[in-house]
Amino acid sequence: MAFTSDSSLTEPKSEAAFFYGLFLRGYPLQKIREDIDIPPEVLERWQRLALRDPWYRAMSARMLAYRKHVLAIFDSLIFREIVPPYRIQ
């Protein structure tokens, strides 16, 4: 497995913006969310590997947190567009 530097996981906002751009171009919302999130079978494999390797355990936890952060930012961009702003009259 290739070494992942700290700088490669530092910009979840730009990755979420990339996926938001795909949404604006007409890609299906659910498909984008699936691409951002980690599939359960992959997560299960990571957890099995993490039982044997402490480095892998730390890295997989970090990757999972990063993907969830990207997904949360993406969702906030989507819901900000879907929900009209509340106006007081």
N, C-alpha and C. Protein backbone atom coordinates (compact mmCIF):
# COMPACT_ATOMS: atom_id res chain seq x y z
N MET A 1 0.84 -1.17 0.00
CA MET A 1 0.00 0.00 0.00
C MET A 1 0.89 1.23 0.00
N ALA A 2 0.52 2.22 -0.78
CA ALA A 2 1.29 3.45 -0.89
C ALA A 2 1.13 4.30 0.36
N PHE A 3 2.15 5.02 0.69
CA PHE A 3 2.12 5.92 1.82
C PHE A 3 1.26 7.13 1.49
N THR A 4 0.37 7.49 2.39
CA THR A 4 -0.49 8.64 2.21
C THR A 4 0.00 9.76 3.11
N SER A 5 0.39 10.86 2.51
CA SER A 5 0.90 11.97 3.31
C SER A 5 -0.26 12.75 3.93
N ASP A 6 0.07 13.55 4.94
CA ASP A 6 -0.94 14.36 5.60
C ASP A 6 -1.59 15.35 4.64
N SER A 7 -0.84 15.84 3.67
CA SER A 7 -1.38 16.86 2.77
C SER A 7 -2.46 16.31 1.85
N SER A 8 -2.51 15.00 1.65
CA SER A 8 -3.50 14.44 0.73
C SER A 8 -4.89 14.34 1.35
N LEU A 9 -5.01 14.47 2.64
CA LEU A 9 -6.31 14.39 3.30
C LEU A 9 -6.68 15.71 3.98
N THR A 10 -6.22 16.81 3.45
CA THR A 10 -6.44 18.07 4.15
C THR A 10 -7.54 18.94 3.55
N GLU A 11 -8.07 18.59 2.41
CA GLU A 11 -9.03 19.47 1.76
C GLU A 11 -10.38 18.80 1.48
N PRO A 12 -11.13 18.45 2.51
CA PRO A 12 -12.45 17.87 2.25
C PRO A 12 -13.40 18.86 1.58
N LYS A 13 -13.19 20.16 1.82
CA LYS A 13 -14.06 21.16 1.19
C LYS A 13 -13.92 21.15 -0.32
N SER A 14 -12.69 21.04 -0.81
CA SER A 14 -12.51 21.05 -2.26
C SER A 14 -13.04 19.76 -2.89
N GLU A 15 -12.91 18.65 -2.18
CA GLU A 15 -13.47 17.40 -2.71
C GLU A 15 -14.99 17.45 -2.72
N ALA A 16 -15.58 17.99 -1.66
CA ALA A 16 -17.04 18.15 -1.62
C ALA A 16 -17.51 19.09 -2.72
N ALA A 17 -16.74 20.14 -2.99
CA ALA A 17 -17.09 21.07 -4.06
C ALA A 17 -17.04 20.38 -5.42
N PHE A 18 -16.08 19.49 -5.61
CA PHE A 18 -16.00 18.72 -6.85
C PHE A 18 -17.28 17.90 -7.05
N PHE A 19 -17.70 17.19 -6.01
CA PHE A 19 -18.91 16.38 -6.11
C PHE A 19 -20.15 17.26 -6.28
N TYR A 20 -20.16 18.42 -5.65
CA TYR A 20 -21.27 19.35 -5.82
C TYR A 20 -21.36 19.81 -7.27
N GLY A 21 -20.22 20.03 -7.90
CA GLY A 21 -20.19 20.38 -9.31
C GLY A 21 -20.80 19.29 -10.17
N LEU A 22 -20.53 18.03 -9.82
CA LEU A 22 -21.15 16.92 -10.55
C LEU A 22 -22.67 16.95 -10.39
N PHE A 23 -23.12 17.25 -9.18
CA PHE A 23 -24.56 17.35 -8.92
C PHE A 23 -25.18 18.46 -9.77
N LEU A 24 -24.51 19.60 -9.84
CA LEU A 24 -25.03 20.71 -10.64
C LEU A 24 -25.07 20.36 -12.13
N ARG A 25 -24.24 19.45 -12.56
CA ARG A 25 -24.21 19.03 -13.96
C ARG A 25 -25.21 17.91 -14.25
N GLY A 26 -25.97 17.50 -13.25
CA GLY A 26 -27.04 16.54 -13.48
C GLY A 26 -26.79 15.12 -13.04
N TYR A 27 -25.67 14.86 -12.37
CA TYR A 27 -25.44 13.50 -11.88
C TYR A 27 -26.43 13.20 -10.75
N PRO A 28 -26.92 11.96 -10.66
CA PRO A 28 -27.91 11.61 -9.64
C PRO A 28 -27.34 11.77 -8.22
N LEU A 29 -28.13 12.39 -7.37
CA LEU A 29 -27.71 12.67 -6.00
C LEU A 29 -27.31 11.40 -5.26
N GLN A 30 -28.14 10.36 -5.33
CA GLN A 30 -27.84 9.14 -4.59
C GLN A 30 -26.55 8.48 -5.08
N LYS A 31 -26.31 8.51 -6.38
CA LYS A 31 -25.07 7.93 -6.93
C LYS A 31 -23.85 8.69 -6.41
N ILE A 32 -23.94 10.01 -6.35
CA ILE A 32 -22.82 10.81 -5.84
C ILE A 32 -22.58 10.49 -4.37
N ARG A 33 -23.66 10.40 -3.59
CA ARG A 33 -23.52 10.09 -2.16
C ARG A 33 -22.87 8.72 -1.97
N GLU A 34 -23.23 7.75 -2.82
CA GLU A 34 -22.61 6.42 -2.74
C GLU A 34 -21.13 6.48 -3.10
N ASP A 35 -20.78 7.33 -4.06
CA ASP A 35 -19.37 7.47 -4.45
C ASP A 35 -18.54 8.12 -3.35
N ILE A 36 -19.14 9.03 -2.60
CA ILE A 36 -18.41 9.70 -1.52
C ILE A 36 -18.25 8.76 -0.33
N ASP A 37 -19.33 8.11 0.05
CA ASP A 37 -19.31 7.25 1.24
C ASP A 37 -18.52 5.98 0.97
N ILE A 38 -18.19 5.28 2.03
CA ILE A 38 -17.46 4.02 1.92
C ILE A 38 -18.47 2.88 1.97
N PRO A 39 -18.49 2.03 0.95
CA PRO A 39 -19.45 0.91 0.94
C PRO A 39 -19.24 -0.01 2.15
N PRO A 40 -20.33 -0.59 2.66
CA PRO A 40 -20.22 -1.46 3.85
C PRO A 40 -19.25 -2.62 3.67
N GLU A 41 -19.19 -3.20 2.47
CA GLU A 41 -18.28 -4.34 2.28
C GLU A 41 -16.82 -3.89 2.34
N VAL A 42 -16.53 -2.69 1.89
CA VAL A 42 -15.17 -2.15 1.98
C VAL A 42 -14.83 -1.84 3.43
N LEU A 43 -15.77 -1.24 4.14
CA LEU A 43 -15.56 -0.94 5.55
C LEU A 43 -15.32 -2.21 6.35
N GLU A 44 -16.07 -3.25 6.04
CA GLU A 44 -15.88 -4.53 6.73
C GLU A 44 -14.49 -5.10 6.46
N ARG A 45 -14.03 -5.01 5.23
CA ARG A 45 -12.68 -5.49 4.88
C ARG A 45 -11.62 -4.68 5.63
N TRP A 46 -11.81 -3.36 5.67
CA TRP A 46 -10.86 -2.51 6.41
C TRP A 46 -10.80 -2.91 7.87
N GLN A 47 -11.97 -3.18 8.46
CA GLN A 47 -12.01 -3.54 9.87
C GLN A 47 -11.30 -4.88 10.13
N ARG A 48 -11.45 -5.82 9.22
CA ARG A 48 -10.73 -7.10 9.36
C ARG A 48 -9.22 -6.89 9.28
N LEU A 49 -8.78 -6.08 8.33
CA LEU A 49 -7.35 -5.81 8.20
C LEU A 49 -6.82 -5.03 9.40
N ALA A 50 -7.65 -4.16 9.95
CA ALA A 50 -7.23 -3.34 11.08
C ALA A 50 -6.99 -4.18 12.34
N LEU A 51 -7.61 -5.34 12.42
CA LEU A 51 -7.40 -6.20 13.59
C LEU A 51 -5.95 -6.68 13.69
N ARG A 52 -5.28 -6.79 12.54
CA ARG A 52 -3.91 -7.31 12.52
C ARG A 52 -2.85 -6.23 12.45
N ASP A 53 -3.22 -5.03 12.05
CA ASP A 53 -2.21 -4.01 11.78
C ASP A 53 -2.60 -2.68 12.43
N PRO A 54 -1.89 -2.25 13.47
CA PRO A 54 -2.23 -0.99 14.14
C PRO A 54 -2.12 0.23 13.22
N TRP A 55 -1.15 0.22 12.31
CA TRP A 55 -1.02 1.34 11.38
C TRP A 55 -2.26 1.40 10.49
N TYR A 56 -2.70 0.27 10.01
CA TYR A 56 -3.87 0.20 9.14
C TYR A 56 -5.12 0.62 9.90
N ARG A 57 -5.19 0.27 11.17
CA ARG A 57 -6.33 0.67 12.00
C ARG A 57 -6.42 2.18 12.08
N ALA A 58 -5.30 2.83 12.33
CA ALA A 58 -5.28 4.29 12.43
C ALA A 58 -5.60 4.93 11.09
N MET A 59 -5.02 4.40 10.02
CA MET A 59 -5.24 4.98 8.70
C MET A 59 -6.68 4.78 8.23
N SER A 60 -7.25 3.61 8.48
CA SER A 60 -8.63 3.38 8.04
C SER A 60 -9.60 4.25 8.83
N ALA A 61 -9.34 4.45 10.12
CA ALA A 61 -10.18 5.34 10.91
C ALA A 61 -10.10 6.77 10.38
N ARG A 62 -8.91 7.16 10.00
CA ARG A 62 -8.71 8.50 9.45
C ARG A 62 -9.41 8.66 8.09
N MET A 63 -9.30 7.65 7.24
CA MET A 63 -9.97 7.71 5.93
C MET A 63 -11.48 7.73 6.08
N LEU A 64 -12.00 6.94 7.02
CA LEU A 64 -13.44 6.92 7.26
C LEU A 64 -13.92 8.29 7.74
N ALA A 65 -13.21 8.88 8.68
CA ALA A 65 -13.58 10.20 9.17
C ALA A 65 -13.53 11.24 8.05
N TYR A 66 -12.52 11.15 7.21
CA TYR A 66 -12.38 12.08 6.09
C TYR A 66 -13.56 11.95 5.13
N ARG A 67 -13.92 10.71 4.75
CA ARG A 67 -15.03 10.50 3.81
C ARG A 67 -16.35 10.99 4.41
N LYS A 68 -16.55 10.74 5.71
CA LYS A 68 -17.78 11.21 6.37
C LYS A 68 -17.81 12.74 6.41
N HIS A 69 -16.65 13.36 6.59
CA HIS A 69 -16.57 14.82 6.59
C HIS A 69 -16.91 15.37 5.21
N VAL A 70 -16.36 14.77 4.17
CA VAL A 70 -16.68 15.19 2.79
C VAL A 70 -18.18 15.04 2.55
N LEU A 71 -18.75 13.93 2.98
CA LEU A 71 -20.18 13.69 2.78
C LEU A 71 -21.02 14.73 3.53
N ALA A 72 -20.61 15.08 4.74
CA ALA A 72 -21.35 16.09 5.51
C ALA A 72 -21.29 17.45 4.83
N ILE A 73 -20.13 17.83 4.32
CA ILE A 73 -20.01 19.11 3.61
C ILE A 73 -20.86 19.08 2.34
N PHE A 74 -20.78 17.99 1.59
CA PHE A 74 -21.58 17.85 0.37
C PHE A 74 -23.07 17.97 0.69
N ASP A 75 -23.53 17.26 1.72
CA ASP A 75 -24.94 17.33 2.11
C ASP A 75 -25.34 18.75 2.49
N SER A 76 -24.47 19.47 3.18
CA SER A 76 -24.81 20.85 3.56
C SER A 76 -24.94 21.73 2.32
N LEU A 77 -24.11 21.50 1.31
CA LEU A 77 -24.23 22.26 0.07
C LEU A 77 -25.54 21.93 -0.65
N ILE A 78 -25.91 20.68 -0.68
CA ILE A 78 -27.14 20.25 -1.34
C ILE A 78 -28.35 20.79 -0.62
N PHE A 79 -28.40 20.63 0.69
CA PHE A 79 -29.58 21.05 1.44
C PHE A 79 -29.71 22.56 1.49
N ARG A 80 -28.61 23.26 1.39
CA ARG A 80 -28.67 24.72 1.32
C ARG A 80 -29.35 25.14 0.02
N GLU A 81 -29.13 24.37 -1.05
CA GLU A 81 -29.75 24.69 -2.33
C GLU A 81 -31.21 24.26 -2.36
N ILE A 82 -31.54 23.14 -1.74
CA ILE A 82 -32.90 22.60 -1.79
C ILE A 82 -33.84 23.41 -0.91
N VAL A 83 -33.43 23.72 0.30
CA VAL A 83 -34.28 24.42 1.25
C VAL A 83 -34.19 25.92 0.97
N PRO A 84 -35.32 26.54 0.62
CA PRO A 84 -35.27 27.99 0.38
C PRO A 84 -34.99 28.74 1.68
N PRO A 85 -34.30 29.86 1.59
CA PRO A 85 -34.01 30.61 2.81
C PRO A 85 -35.30 31.14 3.44
N TYR A 86 -35.34 31.11 4.74
CA TYR A 86 -36.49 31.59 5.49
C TYR A 86 -36.46 33.11 5.51
N ARG A 87 -37.56 33.71 5.09
CA ARG A 87 -37.60 35.18 5.03
C ARG A 87 -38.64 35.70 6.02
N ILE A 88 -38.25 36.68 6.77
CA ILE A 88 -39.16 37.33 7.71
C ILE A 88 -39.73 38.56 7.03
N GLN A 89 -41.07 38.67 7.07
CA GLN A 89 -41.70 39.84 6.44
C GLN A 89 -42.35 40.71 7.46
